Amino acid sequence: MDTWKSATRRGLVSAASAASAVACFVDYRMTPERLQPGYEQRLSRPSLALVYGAFGLGLAAGALLCRRGQAGAKRRESG
């Protein structure tokens, strides 16, 4: 049994938020300046937080839709 299939919605959102935070950290702390995305030159810090928050929500939504699709496929196979 895959862990992500049995995860709760809250767990999926938490994992997606953590992945988004790690992406932000890597983008702006571990990556050399010449390779950074460059969003900070056009966007304020609150706007950047919204960008990475939206990224996290997108990850969570994708995981939830994927899990929902798997459940529907199982029902079609068994019924």
Protein backbone atom coordinates (compact mmCIF):
# COMPACT_ATOMS: atom_id res chain seq x y z
CA MET A 1 0.00 0.00 0.00
CA ASP A 2 1.41 3.37 -1.00
CA THR A 3 1.66 5.91 1.80
CA TRP A 4 0.28 8.81 -0.26
CA LYS A 5 -2.88 6.84 -1.11
CA SER A 6 -3.80 6.47 2.55
CA ALA A 7 -2.78 10.00 3.55
CA THR A 8 -5.42 12.36 4.88
CA ARG A 9 -6.22 15.63 3.14
CA ARG A 10 -4.53 17.52 5.95
CA GLY A 11 -1.45 15.35 5.54
CA LEU A 12 -1.35 15.95 1.79
CA VAL A 13 -1.69 19.71 2.26
CA SER A 14 1.04 19.64 4.93
CA ALA A 15 3.37 17.67 2.66
CA ALA A 16 2.68 20.02 -0.25
CA SER A 17 3.34 23.04 1.96
CA ALA A 18 6.60 21.51 3.11
CA ALA A 19 7.63 20.80 -0.48
CA SER A 20 6.85 24.40 -1.42
CA ALA A 21 8.89 25.71 1.51
CA VAL A 22 11.82 23.48 0.55
CA ALA A 23 11.57 24.72 -3.06
CA CYS A 24 11.69 28.33 -1.85
CA PHE A 25 14.67 27.59 0.41
CA VAL A 26 16.57 25.87 -2.39
CA ASP A 27 15.69 28.61 -4.89
CA TYR A 28 16.90 31.47 -2.68
CA ARG A 29 19.43 30.03 -0.21
CA MET A 30 21.20 27.12 -1.88
CA THR A 31 21.21 28.19 -5.54
CA PRO A 32 23.92 30.57 -6.74
CA GLU A 33 22.51 34.05 -7.45
CA ARG A 34 23.09 33.79 -11.19
CA LEU A 35 20.87 30.67 -11.31
CA GLN A 36 18.05 31.97 -9.08
CA PRO A 37 14.60 32.40 -10.63
CA GLY A 38 14.71 36.21 -10.40
CA TYR A 39 11.12 36.68 -9.25
CA GLU A 40 12.32 38.78 -6.31
CA GLN A 41 13.40 41.52 -8.72
CA ARG A 42 9.78 42.07 -9.85
CA LEU A 43 7.70 40.89 -6.89
CA SER A 44 7.52 41.95 -3.24
CA ARG A 45 8.14 39.43 -0.45
CA PRO A 46 4.40 39.02 0.26
CA SER A 47 3.84 38.37 -3.45
CA LEU A 48 6.61 35.76 -3.45
CA ALA A 49 4.94 34.11 -0.46
CA LEU A 50 1.71 33.97 -2.48
CA VAL A 51 3.56 32.43 -5.44
CA TYR A 52 5.06 29.65 -3.34
CA GLY A 53 1.74 29.23 -1.47
CA ALA A 54 -0.05 28.77 -4.78
CA PHE A 55 2.62 26.26 -5.78
CA GLY A 56 1.93 24.30 -2.60
CA LEU A 57 -1.83 24.41 -3.18
CA GLY A 58 -1.30 23.18 -6.72
CA LEU A 59 0.76 20.25 -5.46
CA ALA A 60 -1.92 19.38 -2.91
CA ALA A 61 -4.72 19.68 -5.47
CA GLY A 62 -2.85 17.45 -7.89
CA ALA A 63 -2.28 14.81 -5.22
CA LEU A 64 -5.93 14.90 -4.16
CA LEU A 65 -7.16 14.62 -7.75
CA CYS A 66 -4.75 11.77 -8.44
CA ARG A 67 -5.92 9.93 -5.35
CA ARG A 68 -9.54 10.56 -6.31
CA GLY A 69 -8.88 9.19 -9.78
CA GLN A 70 -7.30 6.06 -8.32
CA ALA A 71 -10.33 5.48 -6.08
CA GLY A 72 -12.70 5.87 -9.05
CA ALA A 73 -10.68 3.42 -11.12
CA LYS A 74 -10.82 0.84 -8.31
CA ARG A 75 -14.61 1.19 -8.05
CA ARG A 76 -15.01 0.70 -11.80
CA GLU A 77 -12.83 -2.43 -11.71
CA SER A 78 -14.68 -4.02 -8.79
CA GLY A 79 -18.22 -3.02 -9.79
